[in-house]
Amino acid sequence: MALKEVSDMADEIKITKKAHKRGDDGYKIVSVRMKEELLGKLDELSAKTNRSRNELINILLNSAIDNVKVED
């Protein structure tokens, strides 16, 4: 956050607006529940690949989502 200088006698503090709002980069924030065992595997993979959980989840979902077949 960029703050403009204000004097000790100022009645208000002015804060500049951010250039981009959250989500403008095409990404949305989601929350996911998962079992500890799966989270442990994800953390192991994260350590081995030096990638964040977020990055790995996106890579894995992108790889798998087109291979799903819904059966009636």
PDB file of N, CA and C in Angstrom:
ATOM      1  N   MET A   1       0.830  -1.166   0.000  1.00  0.00           N
ATOM      2  CA  MET A   1       0.000   0.000   0.000  1.00  0.00           C
ATOM      3  C   MET A   1       0.882   1.240   0.000  1.00  0.00           C
ATOM      4  N   ALA A   2       0.663   2.141  -0.901  1.00  0.00           N
ATOM      5  CA  ALA A   2       1.455   3.365  -0.963  1.00  0.00           C
ATOM      6  C   ALA A   2       0.743   4.447  -0.163  1.00  0.00           C
ATOM      7  N   LEU A   3       1.404   4.958   0.845  1.00  0.00           N
ATOM      8  CA  LEU A   3       0.831   6.025   1.660  1.00  0.00           C
ATOM      9  C   LEU A   3       1.492   7.337   1.297  1.00  0.00           C
ATOM     10  N   LYS A   4       0.704   8.385   1.147  1.00  0.00           N
ATOM     11  CA  LYS A   4       1.267   9.710   0.914  1.00  0.00           C
ATOM     12  C   LYS A   4       1.702  10.260   2.253  1.00  0.00           C
ATOM     13  N   GLU A   5       2.708  11.095   2.233  1.00  0.00           N
ATOM     14  CA  GLU A   5       3.154  11.718   3.469  1.00  0.00           C
ATOM     15  C   GLU A   5       2.067  12.633   4.003  1.00  0.00           C
ATOM     16  N   VAL A   6       1.903  12.606   5.318  1.00  0.00           N
ATOM     17  CA  VAL A   6       0.943  13.502   5.965  1.00  0.00           C
ATOM     18  C   VAL A   6       1.639  14.183   7.127  1.00  0.00           C
ATOM     19  N   SER A   7       1.213  15.397   7.424  1.00  0.00           N
ATOM     20  CA  SER A   7       1.816  16.114   8.548  1.00  0.00           C
ATOM     21  C   SER A   7       1.180  15.639   9.852  1.00  0.00           C
ATOM     22  N   ASP A   8       1.803  15.961  10.971  1.00  0.00           N
ATOM     23  CA  ASP A   8       1.284  15.580  12.280  1.00  0.00           C
ATOM     24  C   ASP A   8      -0.071  16.217  12.546  1.00  0.00           C
ATOM     25  N   MET A   9      -0.367  17.303  11.890  1.00  0.00           N
ATOM     26  CA  MET A   9      -1.604  18.038  12.135  1.00  0.00           C
ATOM     27  C   MET A   9      -2.700  17.646  11.142  1.00  0.00           C
ATOM     28  N   ALA A  10      -2.469  16.682  10.288  1.00  0.00           N
ATOM     29  CA  ALA A  10      -3.446  16.321   9.268  1.00  0.00           C
ATOM     30  C   ALA A  10      -4.698  15.723   9.899  1.00  0.00           C
ATOM     31  N   ASP A  11      -5.853  16.032   9.314  1.00  0.00           N
ATOM     32  CA  ASP A  11      -7.128  15.506   9.793  1.00  0.00           C
ATOM     33  C   ASP A  11      -7.480  14.183   9.123  1.00  0.00           C
ATOM     34  N   GLU A  12      -6.818  13.852   8.051  1.00  0.00           N
ATOM     35  CA  GLU A  12      -7.121  12.615   7.343  1.00  0.00           C
ATOM     36  C   GLU A  12      -5.852  12.019   6.752  1.00  0.00           C
ATOM     37  N   ILE A  13      -5.903  10.729   6.517  1.00  0.00           N
ATOM     38  CA  ILE A  13      -4.793  10.024   5.875  1.00  0.00           C
ATOM     39  C   ILE A  13      -5.275   9.626   4.494  1.00  0.00           C
ATOM     40  N   LYS A  14      -4.523   9.962   3.477  1.00  0.00           N
ATOM     41  CA  LYS A  14      -4.885   9.615   2.110  1.00  0.00           C
ATOM     42  C   LYS A  14      -4.094   8.393   1.679  1.00  0.00           C
ATOM     43  N   ILE A  15      -4.802   7.430   1.102  1.00  0.00           N
ATOM     44  CA  ILE A  15      -4.185   6.201   0.617  1.00  0.00           C
ATOM     45  C   ILE A  15      -4.521   6.066  -0.857  1.00  0.00           C
ATOM     46  N   THR A  16      -3.529   5.803  -1.678  1.00  0.00           N
ATOM     47  CA  THR A  16      -3.784   5.638  -3.110  1.00  0.00           C
ATOM     48  C   THR A  16      -4.431   4.283  -3.371  1.00  0.00           C
ATOM     49  N   LYS A  17      -5.276   4.228  -4.388  1.00  0.00           N
ATOM     50  CA  LYS A  17      -5.937   2.988  -4.761  1.00  0.00           C
ATOM     51  C   LYS A  17      -4.955   2.065  -5.466  1.00  0.00           C
ATOM     52  N   LYS A  18      -5.202   0.751  -5.335  1.00  0.00           N
ATOM     53  CA  LYS A  18      -4.408  -0.234  -6.064  1.00  0.00           C
ATOM     54  C   LYS A  18      -4.744  -0.135  -7.547  1.00  0.00           C
ATOM     55  N   ALA A  19      -3.783  -0.450  -8.378  1.00  0.00           N
ATOM     56  CA  ALA A  19      -3.993  -0.385  -9.824  1.00  0.00           C
ATOM     57  C   ALA A  19      -4.935  -1.496 -10.305  1.00  0.00           C
ATOM     58  N   HIS A  20      -4.818  -2.686  -9.705  1.00  0.00           N
ATOM     59  CA  HIS A  20      -5.627  -3.827 -10.139  1.00  0.00           C
ATOM     60  C   HIS A  20      -6.366  -4.418  -8.951  1.00  0.00           C
ATOM     61  N   LYS A  21      -7.602  -4.801  -9.188  1.00  0.00           N
ATOM     62  CA  LYS A  21      -8.370  -5.469  -8.153  1.00  0.00           C
ATOM     63  C   LYS A  21      -8.038  -6.950  -8.176  1.00  0.00           C
ATOM     64  N   ARG A  22      -8.234  -7.611  -7.036  1.00  0.00           N
ATOM     65  CA  ARG A  22      -7.998  -9.046  -6.948  1.00  0.00           C
ATOM     66  C   ARG A  22      -8.860  -9.758  -7.980  1.00  0.00           C
ATOM     67  N   GLY A  23      -8.288 -10.726  -8.654  1.00  0.00           N
ATOM     68  CA  GLY A  23      -9.023 -11.483  -9.645  1.00  0.00           C
ATOM     69  C   GLY A  23      -8.858 -10.960 -11.052  1.00  0.00           C
ATOM     70  N   ASP A  24      -8.269  -9.784 -11.218  1.00  0.00           N
ATOM     71  CA  ASP A  24      -8.083  -9.237 -12.554  1.00  0.00           C
ATOM     72  C   ASP A  24      -7.067 -10.004 -13.380  1.00  0.00           C
ATOM     73  N   ASP A  25      -6.316 -10.903 -12.751  1.00  0.00           N
ATOM     74  CA  ASP A  25      -5.318 -11.677 -13.478  1.00  0.00           C
ATOM     75  C   ASP A  25      -5.901 -12.962 -14.063  1.00  0.00           C
ATOM     76  N   GLY A  26      -7.217 -13.154 -13.930  1.00  0.00           N
ATOM     77  CA  GLY A  26      -7.868 -14.329 -14.483  1.00  0.00           C
ATOM     78  C   GLY A  26      -7.978 -15.479 -13.502  1.00  0.00           C
ATOM     79  N   TYR A  27      -7.412 -15.339 -12.324  1.00  0.00           N
ATOM     80  CA  TYR A  27      -7.456 -16.390 -11.315  1.00  0.00           C
ATOM     81  C   TYR A  27      -8.510 -16.065 -10.269  1.00  0.00           C
ATOM     82  N   LYS A  28      -9.116 -17.084  -9.710  1.00  0.00           N
ATOM     83  CA  LYS A  28     -10.075 -16.951  -8.615  1.00  0.00           C
ATOM     84  C   LYS A  28      -9.558 -17.762  -7.437  1.00  0.00           C
ATOM     85  N   ILE A  29      -9.878 -17.326  -6.243  1.00  0.00           N
ATOM     86  CA  ILE A  29      -9.464 -18.019  -5.039  1.00  0.00           C
ATOM     87  C   ILE A  29     -10.542 -19.016  -4.654  1.00  0.00           C
ATOM     88  N   VAL A  30     -10.136 -20.255  -4.376  1.00  0.00           N
ATOM     89  CA  VAL A  30     -11.050 -21.292  -3.926  1.00  0.00           C
ATOM     90  C   VAL A  30     -10.474 -21.960  -2.684  1.00  0.00           C
ATOM     91  N   SER A  31     -11.341 -22.554  -1.921  1.00  0.00           N
ATOM     92  CA  SER A  31     -10.929 -23.281  -0.728  1.00  0.00           C
ATOM     93  C   SER A  31     -11.255 -24.756  -0.939  1.00  0.00           C
ATOM     94  N   VAL A  32     -10.331 -25.633  -0.579  1.00  0.00           N
ATOM     95  CA  VAL A  32     -10.513 -27.061  -0.803  1.00  0.00           C
ATOM     96  C   VAL A  32     -10.199 -27.814   0.485  1.00  0.00           C
ATOM     97  N   ARG A  33     -11.078 -28.735   0.848  1.00  0.00           N
ATOM     98  CA  ARG A  33     -10.801 -29.622   1.978  1.00  0.00           C
ATOM     99  C   ARG A  33     -10.168 -30.888   1.439  1.00  0.00           C
ATOM    100  N   MET A  34      -9.119 -31.376   2.119  1.00  0.00           N
ATOM    101  CA  MET A  34      -8.513 -32.642   1.714  1.00  0.00           C
ATOM    102  C   MET A  34      -7.978 -33.363   2.929  1.00  0.00           C
ATOM    103  N   LYS A  35      -7.867 -34.663   2.804  1.00  0.00           N
ATOM    104  CA  LYS A  35      -7.361 -35.490   3.899  1.00  0.00           C
ATOM    105  C   LYS A  35      -5.889 -35.195   4.131  1.00  0.00           C
ATOM    106  N   GLU A  36      -5.466 -35.385   5.368  1.00  0.00           N
ATOM    107  CA  GLU A  36      -4.073 -35.109   5.736  1.00  0.00           C
ATOM    108  C   GLU A  36      -3.090 -35.932   4.903  1.00  0.00           C
ATOM    109  N   GLU A  37      -3.446 -37.164   4.604  1.00  0.00           N
ATOM    110  CA  GLU A  37      -2.561 -38.019   3.810  1.00  0.00           C
ATOM    111  C   GLU A  37      -2.301 -37.422   2.426  1.00  0.00           C
ATOM    112  N   LEU A  38      -3.359 -36.926   1.797  1.00  0.00           N
ATOM    113  CA  LEU A  38      -3.211 -36.314   0.474  1.00  0.00           C
ATOM    114  C   LEU A  38      -2.406 -35.027   0.575  1.00  0.00           C
ATOM    115  N   LEU A  39      -2.663 -34.244   1.597  1.00  0.00           N
ATOM    116  CA  LEU A  39      -1.909 -33.011   1.802  1.00  0.00           C
ATOM    117  C   LEU A  39      -0.427 -33.318   2.028  1.00  0.00           C
ATOM    118  N   GLY A  40      -0.152 -34.398   2.754  1.00  0.00           N
ATOM    119  CA  GLY A  40       1.233 -34.821   2.970  1.00  0.00           C
ATOM    120  C   GLY A  40       1.926 -35.172   1.660  1.00  0.00           C
ATOM    121  N   LYS A  41       1.210 -35.884   0.795  1.00  0.00           N
ATOM    122  CA  LYS A  41       1.774 -36.228  -0.521  1.00  0.00           C
ATOM    123  C   LYS A  41       2.035 -34.976  -1.347  1.00  0.00           C
ATOM    124  N   LEU A  42       1.104 -34.040  -1.268  1.00  0.00           N
ATOM    125  CA  LEU A  42       1.264 -32.778  -1.993  1.00  0.00           C
ATOM    126  C   LEU A  42       2.483 -32.015  -1.475  1.00  0.00           C
ATOM    127  N   ASP A  43       2.656 -31.992  -0.156  1.00  0.00           N
ATOM    128  CA  ASP A  43       3.807 -31.311   0.439  1.00  0.00           C
ATOM    129  C   ASP A  43       5.126 -31.990   0.054  1.00  0.00           C
ATOM    130  N   GLU A  44       5.125 -33.316  -0.006  1.00  0.00           N
ATOM    131  CA  GLU A  44       6.331 -34.044  -0.441  1.00  0.00           C
ATOM    132  C   GLU A  44       6.677 -33.677  -1.882  1.00  0.00           C
ATOM    133  N   LEU A  45       5.669 -33.667  -2.729  1.00  0.00           N
ATOM    134  CA  LEU A  45       5.888 -33.310  -4.132  1.00  0.00           C
ATOM    135  C   LEU A  45       6.351 -31.864  -4.252  1.00  0.00           C
ATOM    136  N   SER A  46       5.809 -31.017  -3.422  1.00  0.00           N
ATOM    137  CA  SER A  46       6.206 -29.612  -3.406  1.00  0.00           C
ATOM    138  C   SER A  46       7.689 -29.474  -3.062  1.00  0.00           C
ATOM    139  N   ALA A  47       8.127 -30.220  -2.058  1.00  0.00           N
ATOM    140  CA  ALA A  47       9.535 -30.161  -1.646  1.00  0.00           C
ATOM    141  C   ALA A  47      10.454 -30.717  -2.736  1.00  0.00           C
ATOM    142  N   LYS A  48      10.038 -31.792  -3.384  1.00  0.00           N
ATOM    143  CA  LYS A  48      10.857 -32.426  -4.432  1.00  0.00           C
ATOM    144  C   LYS A  48      10.981 -31.563  -5.679  1.00  0.00           C
ATOM    145  N   THR A  49       9.921 -30.820  -5.991  1.00  0.00           N
ATOM    146  CA  THR A  49       9.893 -30.050  -7.244  1.00  0.00           C
ATOM    147  C   THR A  49      10.179 -28.565  -7.050  1.00  0.00           C
ATOM    148  N   ASN A  50      10.268 -28.134  -5.793  1.00  0.00           N
ATOM    149  CA  ASN A  50      10.467 -26.723  -5.481  1.00  0.00           C
ATOM    150  C   ASN A  50       9.352 -25.856  -6.077  1.00  0.00           C
ATOM    151  N   ARG A  51       8.133 -26.383  -6.018  1.00  0.00           N
ATOM    152  CA  ARG A  51       6.946 -25.661  -6.494  1.00  0.00           C
ATOM    153  C   ARG A  51       5.968 -25.516  -5.334  1.00  0.00           C
ATOM    154  N   SER A  52       5.158 -24.473  -5.354  1.00  0.00           N
ATOM    155  CA  SER A  52       4.177 -24.253  -4.290  1.00  0.00           C
ATOM    156  C   SER A  52       3.016 -25.237  -4.425  1.00  0.00           C
ATOM    157  N   ARG A  53       2.287 -25.394  -3.319  1.00  0.00           N
ATOM    158  CA  ARG A  53       1.075 -26.222  -3.374  1.00  0.00           C
ATOM    159  C   ARG A  53       0.141 -25.703  -4.460  1.00  0.00           C
ATOM    160  N   ASN A  54      -0.050 -24.392  -4.495  1.00  0.00           N
ATOM    161  CA  ASN A  54      -0.944 -23.778  -5.467  1.00  0.00           C
ATOM    162  C   ASN A  54      -0.536 -24.126  -6.899  1.00  0.00           C
ATOM    163  N   GLU A  55       0.741 -23.997  -7.181  1.00  0.00           N
ATOM    164  CA  GLU A  55       1.217 -24.291  -8.529  1.00  0.00           C
ATOM    165  C   GLU A  55       1.002 -25.758  -8.874  1.00  0.00           C
ATOM    166  N   LEU A  56       1.302 -26.645  -7.926  1.00  0.00           N
ATOM    167  CA  LEU A  56       1.119 -28.077  -8.175  1.00  0.00           C
ATOM    168  C   LEU A  56      -0.347 -28.441  -8.366  1.00  0.00           C
ATOM    169  N   ILE A  57      -1.216 -27.894  -7.549  1.00  0.00           N
ATOM    170  CA  ILE A  57      -2.645 -28.184  -7.690  1.00  0.00           C
ATOM    171  C   ILE A  57      -3.131 -27.758  -9.072  1.00  0.00           C
ATOM    172  N   ASN A  58      -2.716 -26.593  -9.542  1.00  0.00           N
ATOM    173  CA  ASN A  58      -3.109 -26.139 -10.879  1.00  0.00           C
ATOM    174  C   ASN A  58      -2.556 -27.046 -11.966  1.00  0.00           C
ATOM    175  N   ILE A  59      -1.295 -27.452 -11.838  1.00  0.00           N
ATOM    176  CA  ILE A  59      -0.681 -28.353 -12.831  1.00  0.00           C
ATOM    177  C   ILE A  59      -1.429 -29.684 -12.867  1.00  0.00           C
ATOM    178  N   LEU A  60      -1.680 -30.246 -11.688  1.00  0.00           N
ATOM    179  CA  LEU A  60      -2.341 -31.552 -11.616  1.00  0.00           C
ATOM    180  C   LEU A  60      -3.781 -31.493 -12.115  1.00  0.00           C
ATOM    181  N   LEU A  61      -4.515 -30.467 -11.752  1.00  0.00           N
ATOM    182  CA  LEU A  61      -5.896 -30.342 -12.226  1.00  0.00           C
ATOM    183  C   LEU A  61      -5.955 -30.123 -13.734  1.00  0.00           C
ATOM    184  N   ASN A  62      -5.077 -29.284 -14.255  1.00  0.00           N
ATOM    185  CA  ASN A  62      -5.053 -29.062 -15.702  1.00  0.00           C
ATOM    186  C   ASN A  62      -4.721 -30.327 -16.463  1.00  0.00           C
ATOM    187  N   SER A  63      -3.867 -31.160 -15.892  1.00  0.00           N
ATOM    188  CA  SER A  63      -3.498 -32.419 -16.539  1.00  0.00           C
ATOM    189  C   SER A  63      -4.633 -33.432 -16.501  1.00  0.00           C
ATOM    190  N   ALA A  64      -5.423 -33.421 -15.437  1.00  0.00           N
ATOM    191  CA  ALA A  64      -6.439 -34.454 -15.246  1.00  0.00           C
ATOM    192  C   ALA A  64      -7.818 -34.086 -15.769  1.00  0.00           C
ATOM    193  N   ILE A  65      -8.175 -32.833 -15.781  1.00  0.00           N
ATOM    194  CA  ILE A  65      -9.568 -32.454 -16.038  1.00  0.00           C
ATOM    195  C   ILE A  65     -10.064 -32.859 -17.425  1.00  0.00           C
ATOM    196  N   ASP A  66      -9.210 -32.845 -18.416  1.00  0.00           N
ATOM    197  CA  ASP A  66      -9.623 -33.230 -19.770  1.00  0.00           C
ATOM    198  C   ASP A  66      -9.689 -34.740 -19.949  1.00  0.00           C
ATOM    199  N   ASN A  67      -9.197 -35.492 -18.971  1.00  0.00           N
ATOM    200  CA  ASN A  67      -9.198 -36.952 -19.050  1.00  0.00           C
ATOM    201  C   ASN A  67     -10.343 -37.579 -18.262  1.00  0.00           C
ATOM    202  N   VAL A  68     -11.211 -36.770 -17.721  1.00  0.00           N
ATOM    203  CA  VAL A  68     -12.347 -37.283 -16.943  1.00  0.00           C
ATOM    204  C   VAL A  68     -13.471 -37.657 -17.870  1.00  0.00           C
ATOM    205  N   LYS A  69     -14.028 -38.861 -17.629  1.00  0.00           N
ATOM    206  CA  LYS A  69     -15.193 -39.307 -18.391  1.00  0.00           C
ATOM    207  C   LYS A  69     -16.328 -39.508 -17.394  1.00  0.00           C
ATOM    208  N   VAL A  70     -17.421 -38.812 -17.610  1.00  0.00           N
ATOM    209  CA  VAL A  70     -18.587 -38.932 -16.735  1.00  0.00           C
ATOM    210  C   VAL A  70     -19.459 -40.068 -17.259  1.00  0.00           C
ATOM    211  N   GLU A  71     -19.722 -41.024 -16.374  1.00  0.00           N
ATOM    212  CA  GLU A  71     -20.563 -42.160 -16.752  1.00  0.00           C
ATOM    213  C   GLU A  71     -21.945 -41.992 -16.156  1.00  0.00           C
ATOM    214  N   ASP A  72     -22.951 -42.402 -16.915  1.00  0.00           N
ATOM    215  CA  ASP A  72     -24.345 -42.338 -16.435  1.00  0.00           C
ATOM    216  C   ASP A  72     -24.675 -43.531 -15.580  1.00  0.00           C
TER     217      ASP A  72
END
